[in-house]
Amino acid sequence: MEVFESDSPLEFKVIYLGEPLPLITWKKNNQEIQHPECIKTKLNCSILCFSSIQAEDTAIYSCIVENSEGKVETRCNLSVLPKATLLNNSSMKSCDSPSMMKPCPPTVLEHLKSTFAEDGNQVELSCKIVCPPCNCDVVWIHNGKEIKPSKDFQYHHQDSLYSLKIPELFPEDSGIYTCEAFNDFGETFTSCSLIVHVPGKQNSVFKTFPKSVSVPRGAPIVVQAELSPESDQRQVTWIKDGNVVNQSQINDQDKVQFSIIEANLRDAGLYELHYISGNAKEEKHIAAFSIIVL
């Protein structure tokens, strides 16, 4: 939650069940809150109350519900902005604004870019992610499985630049790659496709790939790709997080387009462009990209 400094009250409410009746503990930045007057307790409900909101209230608040059978916890990251701060551009909410200098989730400055590479060659996938003044952890993922750092898959990091180097490519290295960054305040990610060319085979129909984007809420999104000319019997499908969201036509210039009029948080996610050729084998080609809504 992000709020401005205010004299108005604010409440965090937790509703819980448990047998025997649980005990409730509220914490601020992992330190127990020792002011019982700001905590209201009702049957199966506990409320942390703020009479007003000040800059020093910025923190991670947690509520721990515990009895003899176990313990659960829920957290909220509260960020309090100065009254004079103007957020005309919602992208200022991210960590890339040095003047904010408050703990917050990582932010992608430059997305991964889909690319072709030759079998046996090396490739390096790179992106830029920032998170001042806090640190973040990064993992690389290939086709949904985490890549462990090794001599075959080398993690590199310098300042805001994160990269994955593959010294020698094999056909099975083709697929969707994701760089996921996370810290205690949230996470973000960026994705791309890597297509490894194998001599003597048709490797890809994509002349240009759809590109990952970051946009503020309410902004339009337009993602395009250009395909190699083939037969007329072709099918193009756009997929988000495994579900079909749109089917589009290929225009006379062999281009396809996916668009969103006003971006919302629910539009963020991993997208794929699926292309099925019209030949007898009905080969499927996939290009991945990510949409981040700030």
C-alpha atoms as a PDB file:
ATOM      1  CA  MET A   1       0.000   0.000   0.000  1.00  0.00           C
ATOM      2  CA  GLU A   2       1.215   3.496  -0.928  1.00  0.00           C
ATOM      3  CA  VAL A   3      -0.387   6.507   0.788  1.00  0.00           C
ATOM      4  CA  PHE A   4       0.367  10.183   1.329  1.00  0.00           C
ATOM      5  CA  GLU A   5       1.056  11.721   4.735  1.00  0.00           C
ATOM      6  CA  SER A   6      -2.322  12.500   6.213  1.00  0.00           C
ATOM      7  CA  ASP A   7      -4.169  13.377   9.411  1.00  0.00           C
ATOM      8  CA  SER A   8      -6.812  10.836   8.456  1.00  0.00           C
ATOM      9  CA  PRO A   9      -6.906   7.453  10.232  1.00  0.00           C
ATOM     10  CA  LEU A  10      -5.875   4.158   8.621  1.00  0.00           C
ATOM     11  CA  GLU A  11      -6.610   0.596   9.706  1.00  0.00           C
ATOM     12  CA  PHE A  12      -5.120  -2.820   8.921  1.00  0.00           C
ATOM     13  CA  LYS A  13      -7.688  -5.533   9.646  1.00  0.00           C
ATOM     14  CA  VAL A  14      -7.045  -9.274   9.910  1.00  0.00           C
ATOM     15  CA  ILE A  15      -9.879 -11.791  10.224  1.00  0.00           C
ATOM     16  CA  TYR A  16      -8.889 -15.252  11.415  1.00  0.00           C
ATOM     17  CA  LEU A  17     -10.188 -18.602  12.658  1.00  0.00           C
ATOM     18  CA  GLY A  18      -8.543 -21.165  14.927  1.00  0.00           C
ATOM     19  CA  GLU A  19      -9.190 -23.721  17.635  1.00  0.00           C
ATOM     20  CA  PRO A  20      -8.075 -23.227  20.325  1.00  0.00           C
ATOM     21  CA  LEU A  21      -8.542 -19.460  20.073  1.00  0.00           C
ATOM     22  CA  PRO A  22      -5.295 -17.995  18.663  1.00  0.00           C
ATOM     23  CA  LEU A  23      -3.125 -15.285  20.138  1.00  0.00           C
ATOM     24  CA  ILE A  24      -2.390 -12.255  17.946  1.00  0.00           C
ATOM     25  CA  THR A  25       0.936 -10.429  17.613  1.00  0.00           C
ATOM     26  CA  TRP A  26       1.500  -7.334  15.460  1.00  0.00           C
ATOM     27  CA  LYS A  27       5.009  -6.390  14.342  1.00  0.00           C
ATOM     28  CA  LYS A  28       6.616  -3.417  12.613  1.00  0.00           C
ATOM     29  CA  ASN A  29       9.779  -4.359  10.688  1.00  0.00           C
ATOM     30  CA  ASN A  30       9.878  -7.627  12.686  1.00  0.00           C
ATOM     31  CA  GLN A  31       9.725  -5.762  16.026  1.00  0.00           C
ATOM     32  CA  GLU A  32       6.663  -6.388  18.191  1.00  0.00           C
ATOM     33  CA  ILE A  33       4.416  -3.342  18.523  1.00  0.00           C
ATOM     34  CA  GLN A  34       4.269  -2.428  22.195  1.00  0.00           C
ATOM     35  CA  HIS A  35       1.369   0.049  22.052  1.00  0.00           C
ATOM     36  CA  PRO A  36      -1.838  -1.830  22.971  1.00  0.00           C
ATOM     37  CA  GLU A  37      -3.923   1.327  22.502  1.00  0.00           C
ATOM     38  CA  CYS A  38      -3.415   1.104  18.718  1.00  0.00           C
ATOM     39  CA  ILE A  39      -4.604  -2.520  18.503  1.00  0.00           C
ATOM     40  CA  LYS A  40      -8.309  -3.393  18.646  1.00  0.00           C
ATOM     41  CA  THR A  41      -9.287  -7.003  19.217  1.00  0.00           C
ATOM     42  CA  LYS A  42     -12.696  -8.490  18.522  1.00  0.00           C
ATOM     43  CA  LEU A  43     -13.870 -12.076  18.136  1.00  0.00           C
ATOM     44  CA  ASN A  44     -11.875 -13.539  15.222  1.00  0.00           C
ATOM     45  CA  CYS A  45     -10.685 -10.062  14.223  1.00  0.00           C
ATOM     46  CA  SER A  46      -7.692  -7.879  15.047  1.00  0.00           C
ATOM     47  CA  ILE A  47      -7.201  -4.287  13.848  1.00  0.00           C
ATOM     48  CA  LEU A  48      -4.034  -2.192  13.837  1.00  0.00           C
ATOM     49  CA  CYS A  49      -5.082   1.464  13.977  1.00  0.00           C
ATOM     50  CA  PHE A  50      -3.232   4.602  12.872  1.00  0.00           C
ATOM     51  CA  SER A  51      -4.738   7.899  14.060  1.00  0.00           C
ATOM     52  CA  SER A  52      -2.733   9.659  11.341  1.00  0.00           C
ATOM     53  CA  ILE A  53      -0.121   8.695   8.765  1.00  0.00           C
ATOM     54  CA  GLN A  54       3.413  10.080   8.920  1.00  0.00           C
ATOM     55  CA  ALA A  55       6.631   9.343   7.031  1.00  0.00           C
ATOM     56  CA  GLU A  56       8.014   7.327   9.952  1.00  0.00           C
ATOM     57  CA  ASP A  57       5.123   4.880   9.570  1.00  0.00           C
ATOM     58  CA  THR A  58       6.741   3.495   6.413  1.00  0.00           C
ATOM     59  CA  ALA A  59       7.517  -0.141   7.252  1.00  0.00           C
ATOM     60  CA  ILE A  60       6.560  -3.769   6.770  1.00  0.00           C
ATOM     61  CA  TYR A  61       3.712  -4.635   9.120  1.00  0.00           C
ATOM     62  CA  SER A  62       2.968  -8.227   9.993  1.00  0.00           C
ATOM     63  CA  CYS A  63       0.228  -9.954  11.945  1.00  0.00           C
ATOM     64  CA  ILE A  64       1.026 -13.352  13.465  1.00  0.00           C
ATOM     65  CA  VAL A  65      -1.850 -15.652  14.419  1.00  0.00           C
ATOM     66  CA  GLU A  66      -0.717 -18.541  16.637  1.00  0.00           C
ATOM     67  CA  ASN A  67      -2.112 -21.298  18.819  1.00  0.00           C
ATOM     68  CA  SER A  68      -0.911 -24.688  20.024  1.00  0.00           C
ATOM     69  CA  GLU A  69      -1.694 -26.225  16.609  1.00  0.00           C
ATOM     70  CA  GLY A  70       0.381 -23.875  14.488  1.00  0.00           C
ATOM     71  CA  LYS A  71       1.179 -20.358  13.309  1.00  0.00           C
ATOM     72  CA  VAL A  72       0.391 -18.245  10.233  1.00  0.00           C
ATOM     73  CA  GLU A  73       1.481 -14.751   9.243  1.00  0.00           C
ATOM     74  CA  THR A  74       0.304 -12.047   6.847  1.00  0.00           C
ATOM     75  CA  ARG A  75       2.286  -8.966   5.827  1.00  0.00           C
ATOM     76  CA  CYS A  76       1.765  -5.565   4.267  1.00  0.00           C
ATOM     77  CA  ASN A  77       4.381  -3.125   2.988  1.00  0.00           C
ATOM     78  CA  LEU A  78       3.209   0.421   3.836  1.00  0.00           C
ATOM     79  CA  SER A  79       4.946   3.260   1.978  1.00  0.00           C
ATOM     80  CA  VAL A  80       4.159   6.803   3.121  1.00  0.00           C
ATOM     81  CA  LEU A  81       4.855   9.546   0.565  1.00  0.00           C
ATOM     82  CA  PRO A  82       5.398  13.222   1.461  1.00  0.00           C
ATOM     83  CA  LYS A  83       2.402  15.495   0.923  1.00  0.00           C
ATOM     84  CA  ALA A  84       4.370  17.560  -1.593  1.00  0.00           C
ATOM     85  CA  THR A  85       5.162  14.553  -3.780  1.00  0.00           C
ATOM     86  CA  LEU A  86       3.234  14.670  -7.048  1.00  0.00           C
ATOM     87  CA  LEU A  87       2.699  11.341  -8.788  1.00  0.00           C
ATOM     88  CA  ASN A  88       1.558  12.657 -12.160  1.00  0.00           C
ATOM     89  CA  ASN A  89       3.304   9.681 -13.724  1.00  0.00           C
ATOM     90  CA  SER A  90       2.496   6.441 -11.970  1.00  0.00           C
ATOM     91  CA  SER A  91       5.837   5.010 -13.065  1.00  0.00           C
ATOM     92  CA  MET A  92       7.401   7.171 -10.313  1.00  0.00           C
ATOM     93  CA  LYS A  93       6.101   4.618  -7.842  1.00  0.00           C
ATOM     94  CA  SER A  94       8.865   2.262  -8.830  1.00  0.00           C
ATOM     95  CA  CYS A  95      12.401   2.086  -7.466  1.00  0.00           C
ATOM     96  CA  ASP A  96      13.972   3.844 -10.437  1.00  0.00           C
ATOM     97  CA  SER A  97      13.331   7.270  -8.876  1.00  0.00           C
ATOM     98  CA  PRO A  98      16.390   7.982  -6.711  1.00  0.00           C
ATOM     99  CA  SER A  99      14.612  10.788  -4.851  1.00  0.00           C
ATOM    100  CA  MET A 100      12.165   8.306  -3.344  1.00  0.00           C
ATOM    101  CA  MET A 101      14.927   6.150  -1.808  1.00  0.00           C
ATOM    102  CA  LYS A 102      12.462   3.977   0.059  1.00  0.00           C
ATOM    103  CA  PRO A 103      12.378   0.193   0.212  1.00  0.00           C
ATOM    104  CA  CYS A 104      10.312  -1.186  -2.647  1.00  0.00           C
ATOM    105  CA  PRO A 105      10.186  -4.060  -5.147  1.00  0.00           C
ATOM    106  CA  PRO A 106      12.734  -4.372  -7.973  1.00  0.00           C
ATOM    107  CA  THR A 107      12.041  -2.540 -11.226  1.00  0.00           C
ATOM    108  CA  VAL A 108      12.986  -3.588 -14.764  1.00  0.00           C
ATOM    109  CA  LEU A 109      14.758  -0.773 -16.631  1.00  0.00           C
ATOM    110  CA  GLU A 110      15.631  -2.779 -19.745  1.00  0.00           C
ATOM    111  CA  HIS A 111      13.836  -5.989 -20.651  1.00  0.00           C
ATOM    112  CA  LEU A 112      15.316  -9.173 -22.045  1.00  0.00           C
ATOM    113  CA  LYS A 113      15.274  -9.307 -25.841  1.00  0.00           C
ATOM    114  CA  SER A 114      14.357 -12.386 -27.857  1.00  0.00           C
ATOM    115  CA  THR A 115      17.086 -13.521 -30.194  1.00  0.00           C
ATOM    116  CA  PHE A 116      18.393 -16.154 -32.623  1.00  0.00           C
ATOM    117  CA  ALA A 117      21.679 -17.988 -32.108  1.00  0.00           C
ATOM    118  CA  GLU A 118      23.596 -20.696 -33.936  1.00  0.00           C
ATOM    119  CA  ASP A 119      23.998 -24.230 -32.642  1.00  0.00           C
ATOM    120  CA  GLY A 120      27.408 -24.538 -30.949  1.00  0.00           C
ATOM    121  CA  ASN A 121      27.884 -20.790 -30.488  1.00  0.00           C
ATOM    122  CA  GLN A 122      27.627 -18.852 -27.260  1.00  0.00           C
ATOM    123  CA  VAL A 123      24.933 -16.379 -26.236  1.00  0.00           C
ATOM    124  CA  GLU A 124      24.406 -13.894 -23.416  1.00  0.00           C
ATOM    125  CA  LEU A 125      20.926 -12.772 -22.355  1.00  0.00           C
ATOM    126  CA  SER A 126      20.912  -9.463 -20.461  1.00  0.00           C
ATOM    127  CA  CYS A 127      18.518  -7.087 -18.723  1.00  0.00           C
ATOM    128  CA  LYS A 128      18.738  -4.130 -16.333  1.00  0.00           C
ATOM    129  CA  ILE A 129      17.008  -4.267 -12.953  1.00  0.00           C
ATOM    130  CA  VAL A 130      17.274  -1.687 -10.169  1.00  0.00           C
ATOM    131  CA  CYS A 131      16.167  -1.607  -6.567  1.00  0.00           C
ATOM    132  CA  PRO A 132      17.675   1.291  -4.570  1.00  0.00           C
ATOM    133  CA  PRO A 133      18.303   1.451  -1.707  1.00  0.00           C
ATOM    134  CA  CYS A 134      17.642  -2.243  -1.053  1.00  0.00           C
ATOM    135  CA  ASN A 135      19.101  -5.355  -2.616  1.00  0.00           C
ATOM    136  CA  CYS A 136      17.367  -8.096  -4.564  1.00  0.00           C
ATOM    137  CA  ASP A 137      17.989 -11.713  -5.497  1.00  0.00           C
ATOM    138  CA  VAL A 138      17.832 -12.928  -9.093  1.00  0.00           C
ATOM    139  CA  VAL A 139      17.104 -16.339 -10.576  1.00  0.00           C
ATOM    140  CA  TRP A 140      17.059 -17.406 -14.203  1.00  0.00           C
ATOM    141  CA  ILE A 141      14.363 -19.767 -15.488  1.00  0.00           C
ATOM    142  CA  HIS A 142      14.226 -21.844 -18.685  1.00  0.00           C
ATOM    143  CA  ASN A 143      10.833 -23.189 -19.795  1.00  0.00           C
ATOM    144  CA  GLY A 144       9.480 -22.915 -16.252  1.00  0.00           C
ATOM    145  CA  LYS A 145      12.452 -24.568 -14.503  1.00  0.00           C
ATOM    146  CA  GLU A 146      15.048 -22.712 -12.455  1.00  0.00           C
ATOM    147  CA  ILE A 147      18.563 -22.715 -13.922  1.00  0.00           C
ATOM    148  CA  LYS A 148      21.264 -23.481 -11.387  1.00  0.00           C
ATOM    149  CA  PRO A 149      24.506 -21.514 -11.951  1.00  0.00           C
ATOM    150  CA  SER A 150      27.177 -23.734 -13.502  1.00  0.00           C
ATOM    151  CA  LYS A 151      29.908 -23.670 -16.156  1.00  0.00           C
ATOM    152  CA  ASP A 152      27.177 -24.293 -18.753  1.00  0.00           C
ATOM    153  CA  PHE A 153      24.868 -21.535 -17.445  1.00  0.00           C
ATOM    154  CA  GLN A 154      26.810 -18.655 -15.946  1.00  0.00           C
ATOM    155  CA  TYR A 155      25.174 -15.919 -13.855  1.00  0.00           C
ATOM    156  CA  HIS A 156      26.751 -12.455 -14.189  1.00  0.00           C
ATOM    157  CA  HIS A 157      25.887  -9.220 -12.367  1.00  0.00           C
ATOM    158  CA  GLN A 158      27.432  -5.754 -12.564  1.00  0.00           C
ATOM    159  CA  ASP A 159      25.590  -2.747 -11.132  1.00  0.00           C
ATOM    160  CA  SER A 160      22.060  -2.953 -12.582  1.00  0.00           C
ATOM    161  CA  LEU A 161      23.021  -5.324 -15.419  1.00  0.00           C
ATOM    162  CA  TYR A 162      22.087  -8.979 -14.960  1.00  0.00           C
ATOM    163  CA  SER A 163      23.026 -11.551 -17.574  1.00  0.00           C
ATOM    164  CA  LEU A 164      22.977 -15.267 -18.265  1.00  0.00           C
ATOM    165  CA  LYS A 165      25.836 -16.572 -20.407  1.00  0.00           C
ATOM    166  CA  ILE A 166      25.608 -19.922 -22.212  1.00  0.00           C
ATOM    167  CA  PRO A 167      29.108 -20.706 -23.591  1.00  0.00           C
ATOM    168  CA  GLU A 168      27.975 -23.489 -25.948  1.00  0.00           C
ATOM    169  CA  LEU A 169      24.449 -23.780 -27.313  1.00  0.00           C
ATOM    170  CA  PHE A 170      22.554 -26.964 -28.073  1.00  0.00           C
ATOM    171  CA  PRO A 171      19.140 -27.278 -29.804  1.00  0.00           C
ATOM    172  CA  GLU A 172      17.491 -28.092 -26.467  1.00  0.00           C
ATOM    173  CA  ASP A 173      18.574 -24.674 -25.152  1.00  0.00           C
ATOM    174  CA  SER A 174      15.839 -23.105 -27.287  1.00  0.00           C
ATOM    175  CA  GLY A 175      12.827 -21.900 -25.339  1.00  0.00           C
ATOM    176  CA  ILE A 176      11.525 -19.239 -22.984  1.00  0.00           C
ATOM    177  CA  TYR A 177      13.969 -17.575 -20.596  1.00  0.00           C
ATOM    178  CA  THR A 178      12.901 -15.482 -17.617  1.00  0.00           C
ATOM    179  CA  CYS A 179      14.952 -13.352 -15.257  1.00  0.00           C
ATOM    180  CA  GLU A 180      13.058 -13.035 -11.971  1.00  0.00           C
ATOM    181  CA  ALA A 181      14.146 -10.523  -9.315  1.00  0.00           C
ATOM    182  CA  PHE A 182      12.701 -10.388  -5.813  1.00  0.00           C
ATOM    183  CA  ASN A 183      13.210  -9.001  -2.332  1.00  0.00           C
ATOM    184  CA  ASP A 184      11.147  -8.665   0.861  1.00  0.00           C
ATOM    185  CA  PHE A 185       8.990  -5.996  -0.758  1.00  0.00           C
ATOM    186  CA  GLY A 186       7.939  -7.743  -3.963  1.00  0.00           C
ATOM    187  CA  GLU A 187       9.150  -9.163  -7.241  1.00  0.00           C
ATOM    188  CA  THR A 188       9.321  -8.498 -10.955  1.00  0.00           C
ATOM    189  CA  PHE A 189      10.440 -10.366 -14.043  1.00  0.00           C
ATOM    190  CA  THR A 190      11.239 -10.098 -17.718  1.00  0.00           C
ATOM    191  CA  SER A 191      11.044 -12.832 -20.369  1.00  0.00           C
ATOM    192  CA  CYS A 192      12.214 -13.565 -23.898  1.00  0.00           C
ATOM    193  CA  SER A 193      12.614 -16.388 -26.404  1.00  0.00           C
ATOM    194  CA  LEU A 194      15.884 -17.909 -27.536  1.00  0.00           C
ATOM    195  CA  ILE A 195      15.785 -19.856 -30.804  1.00  0.00           C
ATOM    196  CA  VAL A 196      18.822 -21.995 -31.598  1.00  0.00           C
ATOM    197  CA  HIS A 197      19.358 -22.431 -35.350  1.00  0.00           C
ATOM    198  CA  VAL A 198      20.149 -25.952 -36.476  1.00  0.00           C
ATOM    199  CA  PRO A 199      21.704 -26.306 -39.984  1.00  0.00           C
ATOM    200  CA  GLY A 200      19.391 -27.895 -42.510  1.00  0.00           C
ATOM    201  CA  LYS A 201      16.190 -27.249 -40.565  1.00  0.00           C
ATOM    202  CA  GLN A 202      13.567 -24.518 -40.638  1.00  0.00           C
ATOM    203  CA  ASN A 203      14.118 -22.965 -37.263  1.00  0.00           C
ATOM    204  CA  SER A 204      11.801 -20.009 -36.946  1.00  0.00           C
ATOM    205  CA  VAL A 205       9.116 -18.051 -38.741  1.00  0.00           C
ATOM    206  CA  PHE A 206       9.771 -14.865 -36.752  1.00  0.00           C
ATOM    207  CA  LYS A 207      11.483 -12.022 -38.608  1.00  0.00           C
ATOM    208  CA  THR A 208      10.966  -9.753 -35.595  1.00  0.00           C
ATOM    209  CA  PHE A 209       9.900 -10.788 -32.117  1.00  0.00           C
ATOM    210  CA  PRO A 210       7.238  -9.263 -29.853  1.00  0.00           C
ATOM    211  CA  LYS A 211       8.998  -7.084 -27.266  1.00  0.00           C
ATOM    212  CA  SER A 212       8.508  -6.997 -23.507  1.00  0.00           C
ATOM    213  CA  VAL A 213       7.220  -3.677 -22.162  1.00  0.00           C
ATOM    214  CA  SER A 214       6.672  -1.798 -18.903  1.00  0.00           C
ATOM    215  CA  VAL A 215       3.826   0.732 -18.869  1.00  0.00           C
ATOM    216  CA  PRO A 216       1.982   2.805 -16.257  1.00  0.00           C
ATOM    217  CA  ARG A 217      -1.605   1.926 -15.393  1.00  0.00           C
ATOM    218  CA  GLY A 218      -4.075   3.337 -17.882  1.00  0.00           C
ATOM    219  CA  ALA A 219      -1.575   3.532 -20.739  1.00  0.00           C
ATOM    220  CA  PRO A 220      -2.142   1.727 -24.065  1.00  0.00           C
ATOM    221  CA  ILE A 221      -0.083  -1.313 -25.036  1.00  0.00           C
ATOM    222  CA  VAL A 222       0.755  -2.327 -28.605  1.00  0.00           C
ATOM    223  CA  VAL A 223       2.949  -5.365 -29.271  1.00  0.00           C
ATOM    224  CA  GLN A 224       3.850  -6.409 -32.809  1.00  0.00           C
ATOM    225  CA  ALA A 225       5.751  -9.179 -34.561  1.00  0.00           C
ATOM    226  CA  GLU A 226       6.705  -9.801 -38.163  1.00  0.00           C
ATOM    227  CA  LEU A 227       6.536 -13.275 -39.697  1.00  0.00           C
ATOM    228  CA  SER A 228       8.252 -14.900 -42.640  1.00  0.00           C
ATOM    229  CA  PRO A 229       5.955 -15.297 -45.686  1.00  0.00           C
ATOM    230  CA  GLU A 230       4.413 -18.763 -45.965  1.00  0.00           C
ATOM    231  CA  SER A 231       1.148 -20.332 -47.115  1.00  0.00           C
ATOM    232  CA  ASP A 232      -2.228 -18.784 -46.356  1.00  0.00           C
ATOM    233  CA  GLN A 233      -3.177 -21.504 -43.866  1.00  0.00           C
ATOM    234  CA  ARG A 234      -1.665 -19.987 -40.758  1.00  0.00           C
ATOM    235  CA  GLN A 235      -3.003 -19.528 -37.231  1.00  0.00           C
ATOM    236  CA  VAL A 236      -1.784 -16.986 -34.695  1.00  0.00           C
ATOM    237  CA  THR A 237      -2.802 -17.062 -31.036  1.00  0.00           C
ATOM    238  CA  TRP A 238      -1.791 -14.795 -28.139  1.00  0.00           C
ATOM    239  CA  ILE A 239      -1.602 -16.499 -24.747  1.00  0.00           C
ATOM    240  CA  LYS A 240      -1.237 -15.024 -21.238  1.00  0.00           C
ATOM    241  CA  ASP A 241      -0.086 -17.195 -18.347  1.00  0.00           C
ATOM    242  CA  GLY A 242      -1.178 -20.304 -20.258  1.00  0.00           C
ATOM    243  CA  ASN A 243      -4.631 -19.036 -21.284  1.00  0.00           C
ATOM    244  CA  VAL A 244      -5.708 -17.839 -24.740  1.00  0.00           C
ATOM    245  CA  VAL A 245      -6.442 -14.099 -24.651  1.00  0.00           C
ATOM    246  CA  ASN A 246      -6.650 -13.234 -28.342  1.00  0.00           C
ATOM    247  CA  GLN A 247      -6.493 -14.645 -31.843  1.00  0.00           C
ATOM    248  CA  SER A 248      -5.440 -12.262 -34.589  1.00  0.00           C
ATOM    249  CA  GLN A 249      -5.083 -12.146 -38.344  1.00  0.00           C
ATOM    250  CA  ILE A 250      -1.826 -11.854 -40.249  1.00  0.00           C
ATOM    251  CA  ASN A 251      -1.965  -8.730 -42.420  1.00  0.00           C
ATOM    252  CA  ASP A 252      -0.633  -8.276 -45.950  1.00  0.00           C
ATOM    253  CA  GLN A 253       2.804  -7.301 -44.606  1.00  0.00           C
ATOM    254  CA  ASP A 254       2.992 -10.546 -42.591  1.00  0.00           C
ATOM    255  CA  LYS A 255       2.654  -8.638 -39.326  1.00  0.00           C
ATOM    256  CA  VAL A 256       0.522  -9.449 -36.296  1.00  0.00           C
ATOM    257  CA  GLN A 257      -0.463  -7.170 -33.452  1.00  0.00           C
ATOM    258  CA  PHE A 258      -1.708  -7.491 -29.891  1.00  0.00           C
ATOM    259  CA  SER A 259      -3.108  -4.419 -28.121  1.00  0.00           C
ATOM    260  CA  ILE A 260      -4.648  -3.307 -24.826  1.00  0.00           C
ATOM    261  CA  ILE A 261      -6.496   0.029 -24.737  1.00  0.00           C
ATOM    262  CA  GLU A 262      -5.900   0.780 -21.042  1.00  0.00           C
ATOM    263  CA  ALA A 263      -3.401  -1.305 -19.097  1.00  0.00           C
ATOM    264  CA  ASN A 264      -4.492  -2.616 -15.703  1.00  0.00           C
ATOM    265  CA  LEU A 265      -2.597  -4.586 -13.093  1.00  0.00           C
ATOM    266  CA  ARG A 266      -4.412  -7.747 -14.181  1.00  0.00           C
ATOM    267  CA  ASP A 267      -2.834  -7.351 -17.642  1.00  0.00           C
ATOM    268  CA  ALA A 268       0.663  -7.920 -16.242  1.00  0.00           C
ATOM    269  CA  GLY A 269       2.164 -11.347 -16.862  1.00  0.00           C
ATOM    270  CA  LEU A 270       3.975 -13.686 -19.212  1.00  0.00           C
ATOM    271  CA  TYR A 271       2.644 -13.653 -22.773  1.00  0.00           C
ATOM    272  CA  GLU A 272       3.333 -15.969 -25.692  1.00  0.00           C
ATOM    273  CA  LEU A 273       2.711 -15.631 -29.408  1.00  0.00           C
ATOM    274  CA  HIS A 274       1.870 -19.065 -30.822  1.00  0.00           C
ATOM    275  CA  TYR A 275       2.142 -19.565 -34.564  1.00  0.00           C
ATOM    276  CA  ILE A 276       0.979 -22.757 -36.280  1.00  0.00           C
ATOM    277  CA  SER A 277       2.164 -23.138 -39.879  1.00  0.00           C
ATOM    278  CA  GLY A 278      -0.083 -24.376 -42.638  1.00  0.00           C
ATOM    279  CA  ASN A 279       2.175 -27.178 -43.804  1.00  0.00           C
ATOM    280  CA  ALA A 280       1.439 -30.868 -43.359  1.00  0.00           C
ATOM    281  CA  LYS A 281       3.397 -31.080 -40.088  1.00  0.00           C
ATOM    282  CA  GLU A 282       1.538 -28.123 -38.549  1.00  0.00           C
ATOM    283  CA  GLU A 283       4.685 -26.947 -36.780  1.00  0.00           C
ATOM    284  CA  LYS A 284       4.228 -24.649 -33.787  1.00  0.00           C
ATOM    285  CA  HIS A 285       6.532 -21.674 -33.181  1.00  0.00           C
ATOM    286  CA  ILE A 286       6.477 -19.713 -29.912  1.00  0.00           C
ATOM    287  CA  ALA A 287       7.789 -16.259 -29.008  1.00  0.00           C
ATOM    288  CA  ALA A 288       7.543 -15.051 -25.411  1.00  0.00           C
ATOM    289  CA  PHE A 289       7.434 -11.580 -23.878  1.00  0.00           C
ATOM    290  CA  SER A 290       6.346  -9.983 -20.618  1.00  0.00           C
ATOM    291  CA  ILE A 291       4.086  -7.049 -19.767  1.00  0.00           C
ATOM    292  CA  ILE A 292       4.738  -5.142 -16.538  1.00  0.00           C
ATOM    293  CA  VAL A 293       2.121  -2.634 -15.352  1.00  0.00           C
ATOM    294  CA  LEU A 294       3.465  -0.066 -12.873  1.00  0.00           C
END
